[in-house]
Amino acid sequence: MVSTAETSKPTALLSSVSVKRQAMRPPKRFIPDMEHSRELVGASVPPMPPPSPLSKPEQFDPLTDLLGKELVDFLDPNYVTKDDEEEPGYADEVRCTQDIDFLGVKIYIPQYSPGCFFEDVQLMLFLLHFLIAFRPLSLAPPQPCHTFGGCLFDRTMCSFTHPPEVPIPNYFMRVRVGYSHFARARVAPGTTSVLETATNMLEPHTVFFDALEWQSGTRLIGCCSDRTGARQCPFATPVEAGVLLWQSASFDCPAYTVKVSDTTSSFGSNSKRVVFWLKLAVGGCVEGMA
């Protein structure tokens, strides 16, 4: 019999086996030669062009970059637009007629102006002839722009007029830039331009507007007149020129206001006319005028 101590001893076969250890090495990476790499890079990636030279100072025009070429051209007094060539009468429609009261009826007397269409003057004379002869008048006079959303100065100046003391060169004119319409005034230093419209505000209203002052020394004043002729001006822009962008503002008119006016004054010392652009929006009956 064999004892337990003898069976627990390891056999000689286990000690005779040798174990060889080897270190693990990462696989080798394939690195192509330089000539082959140049051929691949040159075929797929073109060489970068040299840097372009800096623009000349006379070619740098930040005003055109900011406002666009169309608006800058319109602000040039010597620039003639296609609208001026094709529609010469739209900007001067306010000066083509003069309204008077004849036997309680408001009629329009034609007066000659270089910007009026000759056909318009003929038509007004024809209508005036039938009105004086007490014959039926089939065509009604133009109505004020009291429509919801406003007229946007698309074809005329609507019900806007200029007081008699405003010189004709200072009149607000309807201009177009792209698909947008504006009222523009060129005001000489020391003079003013007034654009007003009649209304009937039975309740307090708010007048909204956007304005663009092109040069320092220009000021916009918003006023409201009541039935007694009293006038108050709750809004005025600073004389100093601000940012050359459309500025939005508003002012409140009290109840029973019958006239809203915007006065543009030029306090500049130079002889150049100041360009002033205006977009109007009167809350209530007259709303959304641009």
C-alpha atoms as a PDB file:
ATOM      1  CA  MET A   1       0.000   0.000   0.000  1.00  0.00           C
ATOM      2  CA  VAL A   2       1.107   3.585  -0.697  1.00  0.00           C
ATOM      3  CA  SER A   3       0.808   6.319   1.859  1.00  0.00           C
ATOM      4  CA  THR A   4      -0.936   9.626   1.346  1.00  0.00           C
ATOM      5  CA  ALA A   5       2.293  11.611   1.628  1.00  0.00           C
ATOM      6  CA  GLU A   6       3.802   9.784  -1.321  1.00  0.00           C
ATOM      7  CA  THR A   7       0.835  10.414  -3.646  1.00  0.00           C
ATOM      8  CA  SER A   8       0.777  14.198  -2.918  1.00  0.00           C
ATOM      9  CA  LYS A   9       4.287  14.675  -4.263  1.00  0.00           C
ATOM     10  CA  PRO A  10       4.429  16.084  -7.888  1.00  0.00           C
ATOM     11  CA  THR A  11       5.659  13.750 -10.521  1.00  0.00           C
ATOM     12  CA  ALA A  12       8.855  14.264 -12.418  1.00  0.00           C
ATOM     13  CA  LEU A  13       7.014  14.926 -15.685  1.00  0.00           C
ATOM     14  CA  LEU A  14       5.818  18.364 -14.553  1.00  0.00           C
ATOM     15  CA  SER A  15       9.287  19.591 -13.721  1.00  0.00           C
ATOM     16  CA  SER A  16      10.699  18.467 -17.064  1.00  0.00           C
ATOM     17  CA  VAL A  17       8.392  20.762 -19.200  1.00  0.00           C
ATOM     18  CA  SER A  18      10.051  24.110 -20.023  1.00  0.00           C
ATOM     19  CA  VAL A  19       7.873  27.252 -20.649  1.00  0.00           C
ATOM     20  CA  LYS A  20       9.271  29.890 -23.034  1.00  0.00           C
ATOM     21  CA  ARG A  21       7.955  33.451 -22.650  1.00  0.00           C
ATOM     22  CA  GLN A  22       7.886  35.871 -25.618  1.00  0.00           C
ATOM     23  CA  ALA A  23       7.223  39.644 -25.491  1.00  0.00           C
ATOM     24  CA  MET A  24       4.267  40.989 -27.534  1.00  0.00           C
ATOM     25  CA  ARG A  25       5.211  43.499 -30.243  1.00  0.00           C
ATOM     26  CA  PRO A  26       2.786  45.794 -32.119  1.00  0.00           C
ATOM     27  CA  PRO A  27       2.401  45.246 -35.867  1.00  0.00           C
ATOM     28  CA  LYS A  28       4.534  47.325 -38.152  1.00  0.00           C
ATOM     29  CA  ARG A  29       2.876  50.328 -39.861  1.00  0.00           C
ATOM     30  CA  PHE A  30       3.211  50.758 -43.586  1.00  0.00           C
ATOM     31  CA  ILE A  31       4.918  54.062 -44.417  1.00  0.00           C
ATOM     32  CA  PRO A  32       5.193  54.738 -48.148  1.00  0.00           C
ATOM     33  CA  ASP A  33       8.208  56.394 -49.566  1.00  0.00           C
ATOM     34  CA  MET A  34       8.321  60.172 -50.073  1.00  0.00           C
ATOM     35  CA  GLU A  35       8.196  60.046 -53.861  1.00  0.00           C
ATOM     36  CA  HIS A  36       4.988  58.014 -53.827  1.00  0.00           C
ATOM     37  CA  SER A  37       3.394  60.406 -51.261  1.00  0.00           C
ATOM     38  CA  ARG A  38       4.151  63.486 -53.383  1.00  0.00           C
ATOM     39  CA  GLU A  39       2.414  61.921 -56.374  1.00  0.00           C
ATOM     40  CA  LEU A  40      -0.753  61.207 -54.367  1.00  0.00           C
ATOM     41  CA  VAL A  41      -0.941  64.648 -52.722  1.00  0.00           C
ATOM     42  CA  GLY A  42      -0.243  66.529 -55.938  1.00  0.00           C
ATOM     43  CA  ALA A  43      -2.971  64.669 -57.820  1.00  0.00           C
ATOM     44  CA  SER A  44      -5.803  65.263 -55.268  1.00  0.00           C
ATOM     45  CA  VAL A  45      -5.060  68.595 -53.525  1.00  0.00           C
ATOM     46  CA  PRO A  46      -4.212  71.618 -55.701  1.00  0.00           C
ATOM     47  CA  PRO A  47      -1.652  74.055 -54.390  1.00  0.00           C
ATOM     48  CA  MET A  48      -3.001  77.085 -52.472  1.00  0.00           C
ATOM     49  CA  PRO A  49      -3.051  80.351 -54.443  1.00  0.00           C
ATOM     50  CA  PRO A  50      -0.959  83.262 -53.221  1.00  0.00           C
ATOM     51  CA  PRO A  51      -2.766  85.799 -50.951  1.00  0.00           C
ATOM     52  CA  SER A  52      -4.595  88.560 -52.842  1.00  0.00           C
ATOM     53  CA  PRO A  53      -3.294  92.103 -52.373  1.00  0.00           C
ATOM     54  CA  LEU A  54      -5.232  94.517 -50.136  1.00  0.00           C
ATOM     55  CA  SER A  55      -7.882  96.696 -51.810  1.00  0.00           C
ATOM     56  CA  LYS A  56      -6.942 100.254 -52.593  1.00  0.00           C
ATOM     57  CA  PRO A  57      -8.375 103.023 -50.367  1.00  0.00           C
ATOM     58  CA  GLU A  58     -10.313 104.561 -53.263  1.00  0.00           C
ATOM     59  CA  GLN A  59     -12.019 101.209 -53.920  1.00  0.00           C
ATOM     60  CA  PHE A  60     -13.209 100.865 -50.301  1.00  0.00           C
ATOM     61  CA  ASP A  61     -16.788 102.205 -49.948  1.00  0.00           C
ATOM     62  CA  PRO A  62     -18.297 101.350 -46.532  1.00  0.00           C
ATOM     63  CA  LEU A  63     -21.455 103.348 -47.287  1.00  0.00           C
ATOM     64  CA  THR A  64     -22.316 101.151 -50.246  1.00  0.00           C
ATOM     65  CA  ASP A  65     -21.575  98.018 -48.213  1.00  0.00           C
ATOM     66  CA  LEU A  66     -23.867  99.257 -45.428  1.00  0.00           C
ATOM     67  CA  LEU A  67     -26.881 100.608 -47.365  1.00  0.00           C
ATOM     68  CA  GLY A  68     -26.534  99.070 -50.812  1.00  0.00           C
ATOM     69  CA  LYS A  69     -25.809 100.667 -54.165  1.00  0.00           C
ATOM     70  CA  GLU A  70     -29.467 101.459 -54.980  1.00  0.00           C
ATOM     71  CA  LEU A  71     -30.020 103.597 -51.881  1.00  0.00           C
ATOM     72  CA  VAL A  72     -26.696 105.400 -52.304  1.00  0.00           C
ATOM     73  CA  ASP A  73     -27.578 106.182 -55.925  1.00  0.00           C
ATOM     74  CA  PHE A  74     -30.930 107.624 -54.898  1.00  0.00           C
ATOM     75  CA  LEU A  75     -29.236 109.912 -52.399  1.00  0.00           C
ATOM     76  CA  ASP A  76     -27.064 111.308 -55.176  1.00  0.00           C
ATOM     77  CA  PRO A  77     -28.768 114.503 -56.491  1.00  0.00           C
ATOM     78  CA  ASN A  78     -27.370 113.914 -59.993  1.00  0.00           C
ATOM     79  CA  TYR A  79     -28.673 110.354 -60.262  1.00  0.00           C
ATOM     80  CA  VAL A  80     -31.642 109.854 -62.615  1.00  0.00           C
ATOM     81  CA  THR A  81     -33.726 106.747 -61.987  1.00  0.00           C
ATOM     82  CA  LYS A  82     -35.906 104.786 -64.373  1.00  0.00           C
ATOM     83  CA  ASP A  83     -38.953 105.970 -62.439  1.00  0.00           C
ATOM     84  CA  ASP A  84     -38.044 109.573 -63.215  1.00  0.00           C
ATOM     85  CA  GLU A  85     -37.884 108.737 -66.910  1.00  0.00           C
ATOM     86  CA  GLU A  86     -40.998 106.555 -67.100  1.00  0.00           C
ATOM     87  CA  GLU A  87     -43.225 108.157 -64.453  1.00  0.00           C
ATOM     88  CA  PRO A  88     -42.384 111.868 -64.355  1.00  0.00           C
ATOM     89  CA  GLY A  89     -45.768 112.920 -63.026  1.00  0.00           C
ATOM     90  CA  TYR A  90     -46.029 110.779 -59.901  1.00  0.00           C
ATOM     91  CA  ALA A  91     -43.590 112.812 -57.848  1.00  0.00           C
ATOM     92  CA  ASP A  92     -45.296 116.104 -58.765  1.00  0.00           C
ATOM     93  CA  GLU A  93     -48.940 115.071 -58.608  1.00  0.00           C
ATOM     94  CA  VAL A  94     -49.568 117.248 -55.564  1.00  0.00           C
ATOM     95  CA  ARG A  95     -48.636 120.381 -57.546  1.00  0.00           C
ATOM     96  CA  CYS A  96     -50.809 119.581 -60.570  1.00  0.00           C
ATOM     97  CA  THR A  97     -54.075 120.726 -58.998  1.00  0.00           C
ATOM     98  CA  GLN A  98     -55.413 123.248 -56.540  1.00  0.00           C
ATOM     99  CA  ASP A  99     -58.600 122.435 -54.626  1.00  0.00           C
ATOM    100  CA  ILE A 100     -61.240 125.134 -54.041  1.00  0.00           C
ATOM    101  CA  ASP A 101     -64.851 125.182 -52.846  1.00  0.00           C
ATOM    102  CA  PHE A 102     -67.417 125.996 -55.548  1.00  0.00           C
ATOM    103  CA  LEU A 103     -71.021 126.239 -54.308  1.00  0.00           C
ATOM    104  CA  GLY A 104     -70.248 123.885 -51.477  1.00  0.00           C
ATOM    105  CA  VAL A 105     -68.594 121.345 -53.773  1.00  0.00           C
ATOM    106  CA  LYS A 106     -64.868 120.699 -53.573  1.00  0.00           C
ATOM    107  CA  ILE A 107     -63.344 120.868 -57.048  1.00  0.00           C
ATOM    108  CA  TYR A 108     -59.796 120.649 -58.363  1.00  0.00           C
ATOM    109  CA  ILE A 109     -58.481 123.471 -60.550  1.00  0.00           C
ATOM    110  CA  PRO A 110     -55.581 122.363 -62.778  1.00  0.00           C
ATOM    111  CA  GLN A 111     -52.430 124.430 -62.663  1.00  0.00           C
ATOM    112  CA  TYR A 112     -49.499 123.880 -64.981  1.00  0.00           C
ATOM    113  CA  SER A 113     -46.317 122.373 -63.616  1.00  0.00           C
ATOM    114  CA  PRO A 114     -43.331 120.938 -65.517  1.00  0.00           C
ATOM    115  CA  GLY A 115     -43.857 117.578 -63.824  1.00  0.00           C
ATOM    116  CA  CYS A 116     -47.561 117.204 -64.707  1.00  0.00           C
ATOM    117  CA  PHE A 117     -48.863 115.045 -67.502  1.00  0.00           C
ATOM    118  CA  PHE A 118     -50.534 117.039 -70.264  1.00  0.00           C
ATOM    119  CA  GLU A 119     -53.245 114.374 -70.485  1.00  0.00           C
ATOM    120  CA  ASP A 120     -54.034 114.864 -66.785  1.00  0.00           C
ATOM    121  CA  VAL A 121     -54.484 118.606 -67.278  1.00  0.00           C
ATOM    122  CA  GLN A 122     -56.782 118.010 -70.256  1.00  0.00           C
ATOM    123  CA  LEU A 123     -58.889 115.555 -68.260  1.00  0.00           C
ATOM    124  CA  MET A 124     -59.257 117.961 -65.331  1.00  0.00           C
ATOM    125  CA  LEU A 125     -60.289 120.805 -67.658  1.00  0.00           C
ATOM    126  CA  PHE A 126     -62.886 118.517 -69.232  1.00  0.00           C
ATOM    127  CA  LEU A 127     -64.342 117.624 -65.825  1.00  0.00           C
ATOM    128  CA  LEU A 128     -64.261 121.242 -64.688  1.00  0.00           C
ATOM    129  CA  HIS A 129     -66.274 122.279 -67.762  1.00  0.00           C
ATOM    130  CA  PHE A 130     -69.094 119.864 -66.912  1.00  0.00           C
ATOM    131  CA  LEU A 131     -69.009 120.835 -63.240  1.00  0.00           C
ATOM    132  CA  ILE A 132     -69.432 124.543 -63.977  1.00  0.00           C
ATOM    133  CA  ALA A 133     -72.254 123.751 -66.430  1.00  0.00           C
ATOM    134  CA  PHE A 134     -74.082 121.936 -63.577  1.00  0.00           C
ATOM    135  CA  ARG A 135     -74.033 118.673 -65.429  1.00  0.00           C
ATOM    136  CA  PRO A 136     -73.704 115.298 -63.732  1.00  0.00           C
ATOM    137  CA  LEU A 137     -70.166 114.477 -62.714  1.00  0.00           C
ATOM    138  CA  SER A 138     -69.424 110.790 -63.159  1.00  0.00           C
ATOM    139  CA  LEU A 139     -65.921 110.706 -61.713  1.00  0.00           C
ATOM    140  CA  ALA A 140     -65.457 111.496 -58.032  1.00  0.00           C
ATOM    141  CA  PRO A 141     -62.413 113.440 -56.799  1.00  0.00           C
ATOM    142  CA  PRO A 142     -59.593 111.478 -55.191  1.00  0.00           C
ATOM    143  CA  GLN A 143     -60.415 110.274 -51.713  1.00  0.00           C
ATOM    144  CA  PRO A 144     -57.996 110.561 -48.767  1.00  0.00           C
ATOM    145  CA  CYS A 145     -55.922 107.540 -47.941  1.00  0.00           C
ATOM    146  CA  HIS A 146     -58.010 106.282 -45.002  1.00  0.00           C
ATOM    147  CA  THR A 147     -57.768 102.586 -45.855  1.00  0.00           C
ATOM    148  CA  PHE A 148     -56.656  99.859 -43.499  1.00  0.00           C
ATOM    149  CA  GLY A 149     -52.977  99.215 -44.068  1.00  0.00           C
ATOM    150  CA  GLY A 150     -52.361 102.568 -45.734  1.00  0.00           C
ATOM    151  CA  CYS A 151     -51.421 103.466 -49.273  1.00  0.00           C
ATOM    152  CA  LEU A 152     -47.650 102.953 -48.827  1.00  0.00           C
ATOM    153  CA  PHE A 153     -46.943 105.761 -51.353  1.00  0.00           C
ATOM    154  CA  ASP A 154     -47.270 103.189 -54.151  1.00  0.00           C
ATOM    155  CA  ARG A 155     -48.705 105.542 -56.786  1.00  0.00           C
ATOM    156  CA  THR A 156     -49.341 108.935 -55.181  1.00  0.00           C
ATOM    157  CA  MET A 157     -48.740 110.935 -52.024  1.00  0.00           C
ATOM    158  CA  CYS A 158     -52.312 110.108 -50.904  1.00  0.00           C
ATOM    159  CA  SER A 159     -53.800 112.907 -48.799  1.00  0.00           C
ATOM    160  CA  PHE A 160     -50.437 114.400 -47.842  1.00  0.00           C
ATOM    161  CA  THR A 161     -49.954 118.053 -48.760  1.00  0.00           C
ATOM    162  CA  HIS A 162     -47.424 120.845 -48.260  1.00  0.00           C
ATOM    163  CA  PRO A 163     -48.292 124.226 -46.699  1.00  0.00           C
ATOM    164  CA  PRO A 164     -48.045 127.278 -49.006  1.00  0.00           C
ATOM    165  CA  GLU A 165     -44.988 128.620 -47.188  1.00  0.00           C
ATOM    166  CA  VAL A 166     -42.882 125.555 -48.073  1.00  0.00           C
ATOM    167  CA  PRO A 167     -40.752 126.203 -51.201  1.00  0.00           C
ATOM    168  CA  ILE A 168     -41.173 123.746 -54.039  1.00  0.00           C
ATOM    169  CA  PRO A 169     -37.518 122.531 -53.974  1.00  0.00           C
ATOM    170  CA  ASN A 170     -38.100 121.418 -50.366  1.00  0.00           C
ATOM    171  CA  TYR A 171     -41.150 119.281 -51.171  1.00  0.00           C
ATOM    172  CA  PHE A 172     -41.259 115.655 -50.076  1.00  0.00           C
ATOM    173  CA  MET A 173     -41.172 113.499 -53.199  1.00  0.00           C
ATOM    174  CA  ARG A 174     -42.208 109.900 -53.649  1.00  0.00           C
ATOM    175  CA  VAL A 175     -39.257 107.681 -54.541  1.00  0.00           C
ATOM    176  CA  ARG A 176     -38.807 103.957 -54.903  1.00  0.00           C
ATOM    177  CA  VAL A 177     -35.919 101.685 -53.997  1.00  0.00           C
ATOM    178  CA  GLY A 178     -36.548  98.187 -55.287  1.00  0.00           C
ATOM    179  CA  TYR A 179     -40.084  97.294 -54.166  1.00  0.00           C
ATOM    180  CA  SER A 180     -40.200  99.833 -51.304  1.00  0.00           C
ATOM    181  CA  HIS A 181     -41.626 103.368 -51.494  1.00  0.00           C
ATOM    182  CA  PHE A 182     -40.541 106.332 -49.396  1.00  0.00           C
ATOM    183  CA  ALA A 183     -41.016 110.080 -49.086  1.00  0.00           C
ATOM    184  CA  ARG A 184     -37.770 112.009 -49.564  1.00  0.00           C
ATOM    185  CA  ALA A 185     -37.000 115.688 -48.942  1.00  0.00           C
ATOM    186  CA  ARG A 186     -33.895 117.683 -49.840  1.00  0.00           C
ATOM    187  CA  VAL A 187     -33.771 120.557 -47.360  1.00  0.00           C
ATOM    188  CA  ALA A 188     -31.421 123.502 -47.853  1.00  0.00           C
ATOM    189  CA  PRO A 189     -29.629 124.876 -44.761  1.00  0.00           C
ATOM    190  CA  GLY A 190     -31.774 127.339 -42.847  1.00  0.00           C
ATOM    191  CA  THR A 191     -35.056 126.114 -44.386  1.00  0.00           C
ATOM    192  CA  THR A 192     -37.748 123.607 -43.483  1.00  0.00           C
ATOM    193  CA  SER A 193     -40.036 121.127 -45.209  1.00  0.00           C
ATOM    194  CA  VAL A 194     -43.472 120.202 -43.874  1.00  0.00           C
ATOM    195  CA  LEU A 195     -45.559 117.179 -44.833  1.00  0.00           C
ATOM    196  CA  GLU A 196     -49.053 117.145 -43.325  1.00  0.00           C
ATOM    197  CA  THR A 197     -52.322 115.267 -43.642  1.00  0.00           C
ATOM    198  CA  ALA A 198     -55.834 115.982 -42.414  1.00  0.00           C
ATOM    199  CA  THR A 199     -57.531 113.489 -40.130  1.00  0.00           C
ATOM    200  CA  ASN A 200     -60.344 113.249 -37.594  1.00  0.00           C
ATOM    201  CA  MET A 201     -59.232 111.554 -34.404  1.00  0.00           C
ATOM    202  CA  LEU A 202     -62.098 111.292 -31.925  1.00  0.00           C
ATOM    203  CA  GLU A 203     -59.841 109.340 -29.575  1.00  0.00           C
ATOM    204  CA  PRO A 204     -56.142 109.591 -28.695  1.00  0.00           C
ATOM    205  CA  HIS A 205     -53.933 108.025 -31.345  1.00  0.00           C
ATOM    206  CA  THR A 206     -50.288 107.094 -31.701  1.00  0.00           C
ATOM    207  CA  VAL A 207     -48.226 108.102 -34.720  1.00  0.00           C
ATOM    208  CA  PHE A 208     -45.526 105.606 -35.727  1.00  0.00           C
ATOM    209  CA  PHE A 209     -42.783 106.466 -38.183  1.00  0.00           C
ATOM    210  CA  ASP A 210     -39.317 105.516 -39.413  1.00  0.00           C
ATOM    211  CA  ALA A 211     -36.834 108.187 -40.450  1.00  0.00           C
ATOM    212  CA  LEU A 212     -33.339 108.278 -41.921  1.00  0.00           C
ATOM    213  CA  GLU A 213     -31.282 111.424 -41.302  1.00  0.00           C
ATOM    214  CA  TRP A 214     -28.502 111.479 -43.847  1.00  0.00           C
ATOM    215  CA  GLN A 215     -26.397 114.263 -42.340  1.00  0.00           C
ATOM    216  CA  SER A 216     -25.795 116.044 -39.054  1.00  0.00           C
ATOM    217  CA  GLY A 217     -27.797 119.221 -38.529  1.00  0.00           C
ATOM    218  CA  THR A 218     -31.164 117.775 -39.585  1.00  0.00           C
ATOM    219  CA  ARG A 219     -34.100 117.528 -37.219  1.00  0.00           C
ATOM    220  CA  LEU A 220     -37.535 115.919 -37.496  1.00  0.00           C
ATOM    221  CA  ILE A 221     -40.402 117.402 -35.456  1.00  0.00           C
ATOM    222  CA  GLY A 222     -43.783 115.670 -35.135  1.00  0.00           C
ATOM    223  CA  CYS A 223     -46.823 117.849 -34.360  1.00  0.00           C
ATOM    224  CA  CYS A 224     -50.576 117.481 -33.799  1.00  0.00           C
ATOM    225  CA  SER A 225     -53.168 120.233 -34.400  1.00  0.00           C
ATOM    226  CA  ASP A 226     -56.693 120.275 -32.955  1.00  0.00           C
ATOM    227  CA  ARG A 227     -59.892 121.926 -34.160  1.00  0.00           C
ATOM    228  CA  THR A 228     -59.103 125.244 -32.468  1.00  0.00           C
ATOM    229  CA  GLY A 229     -55.801 125.542 -34.338  1.00  0.00           C
ATOM    230  CA  ALA A 230     -53.687 124.818 -31.262  1.00  0.00           C
ATOM    231  CA  ARG A 231     -50.552 122.934 -32.164  1.00  0.00           C
ATOM    232  CA  GLN A 232     -48.368 120.772 -29.965  1.00  0.00           C
ATOM    233  CA  CYS A 233     -45.181 118.975 -30.969  1.00  0.00           C
ATOM    234  CA  PRO A 234     -44.500 116.063 -28.616  1.00  0.00           C
ATOM    235  CA  PHE A 235     -41.586 114.649 -30.612  1.00  0.00           C
ATOM    236  CA  ALA A 236     -38.273 115.937 -31.952  1.00  0.00           C
ATOM    237  CA  THR A 237     -35.066 114.166 -32.940  1.00  0.00           C
ATOM    238  CA  PRO A 238     -31.677 115.437 -31.728  1.00  0.00           C
ATOM    239  CA  VAL A 239     -29.704 117.771 -33.959  1.00  0.00           C
ATOM    240  CA  GLU A 240     -26.634 115.557 -33.761  1.00  0.00           C
ATOM    241  CA  ALA A 241     -26.375 112.844 -36.382  1.00  0.00           C
ATOM    242  CA  GLY A 242     -26.835 109.324 -35.091  1.00  0.00           C
ATOM    243  CA  VAL A 243     -26.353 105.920 -36.639  1.00  0.00           C
ATOM    244  CA  LEU A 244     -26.948 105.862 -40.393  1.00  0.00           C
ATOM    245  CA  LEU A 245     -29.892 103.478 -40.104  1.00  0.00           C
ATOM    246  CA  TRP A 246     -33.668 103.705 -40.126  1.00  0.00           C
ATOM    247  CA  GLN A 247     -34.740 104.922 -36.675  1.00  0.00           C
ATOM    248  CA  SER A 248     -38.213 103.938 -35.437  1.00  0.00           C
ATOM    249  CA  ALA A 249     -40.113 106.174 -33.017  1.00  0.00           C
ATOM    250  CA  SER A 250     -43.633 107.301 -32.123  1.00  0.00           C
ATOM    251  CA  PHE A 251     -45.566 110.103 -30.459  1.00  0.00           C
ATOM    252  CA  ASP A 252     -49.112 110.450 -29.109  1.00  0.00           C
ATOM    253  CA  CYS A 253     -51.758 112.815 -30.453  1.00  0.00           C
ATOM    254  CA  PRO A 254     -54.699 113.720 -28.174  1.00  0.00           C
ATOM    255  CA  ALA A 255     -58.354 113.315 -29.040  1.00  0.00           C
ATOM    256  CA  TYR A 256     -59.955 115.650 -31.600  1.00  0.00           C
ATOM    257  CA  THR A 257     -56.748 115.969 -33.600  1.00  0.00           C
ATOM    258  CA  VAL A 258     -57.541 117.180 -37.123  1.00  0.00           C
ATOM    259  CA  LYS A 259     -54.050 117.448 -38.611  1.00  0.00           C
ATOM    260  CA  VAL A 260     -50.777 115.549 -38.241  1.00  0.00           C
ATOM    261  CA  SER A 261     -47.617 117.150 -39.604  1.00  0.00           C
ATOM    262  CA  ASP A 262     -43.943 116.283 -39.811  1.00  0.00           C
ATOM    263  CA  THR A 263     -41.466 119.137 -40.067  1.00  0.00           C
ATOM    264  CA  THR A 264     -37.906 118.635 -41.275  1.00  0.00           C
ATOM    265  CA  SER A 265     -35.457 121.416 -40.439  1.00  0.00           C
ATOM    266  CA  SER A 266     -31.849 121.839 -41.552  1.00  0.00           C
ATOM    267  CA  PHE A 267     -29.461 123.700 -39.271  1.00  0.00           C
ATOM    268  CA  GLY A 268     -26.313 122.925 -41.267  1.00  0.00           C
ATOM    269  CA  SER A 269     -23.805 125.617 -42.178  1.00  0.00           C
ATOM    270  CA  ASN A 270     -22.793 124.257 -45.578  1.00  0.00           C
ATOM    271  CA  SER A 271     -24.609 125.016 -48.814  1.00  0.00           C
ATOM    272  CA  LYS A 272     -25.414 121.383 -49.617  1.00  0.00           C
ATOM    273  CA  ARG A 273     -28.976 120.200 -49.263  1.00  0.00           C
ATOM    274  CA  VAL A 274     -29.677 117.645 -46.562  1.00  0.00           C
ATOM    275  CA  VAL A 275     -31.449 114.489 -47.692  1.00  0.00           C
ATOM    276  CA  PHE A 276     -34.204 113.218 -45.407  1.00  0.00           C
ATOM    277  CA  TRP A 277     -36.133 109.966 -45.897  1.00  0.00           C
ATOM    278  CA  LEU A 278     -39.433 109.288 -44.139  1.00  0.00           C
ATOM    279  CA  LYS A 279     -41.803 106.370 -43.623  1.00  0.00           C
ATOM    280  CA  LEU A 280     -45.054 107.186 -41.795  1.00  0.00           C
ATOM    281  CA  ALA A 281     -47.649 105.115 -39.989  1.00  0.00           C
ATOM    282  CA  VAL A 282     -50.552 106.806 -38.178  1.00  0.00           C
ATOM    283  CA  GLY A 283     -52.620 104.584 -35.923  1.00  0.00           C
ATOM    284  CA  GLY A 284     -56.409 104.532 -36.267  1.00  0.00           C
ATOM    285  CA  CYS A 285     -58.157 105.716 -39.442  1.00  0.00           C
ATOM    286  CA  VAL A 286     -54.925 106.487 -41.241  1.00  0.00           C
ATOM    287  CA  GLU A 287     -52.697 103.498 -40.612  1.00  0.00           C
ATOM    288  CA  GLY A 288     -49.661 101.965 -42.230  1.00  0.00           C
ATOM    289  CA  MET A 289     -48.605 104.833 -44.463  1.00  0.00           C
ATOM    290  CA  ALA A 290     -44.991 104.304 -45.545  1.00  0.00           C
END
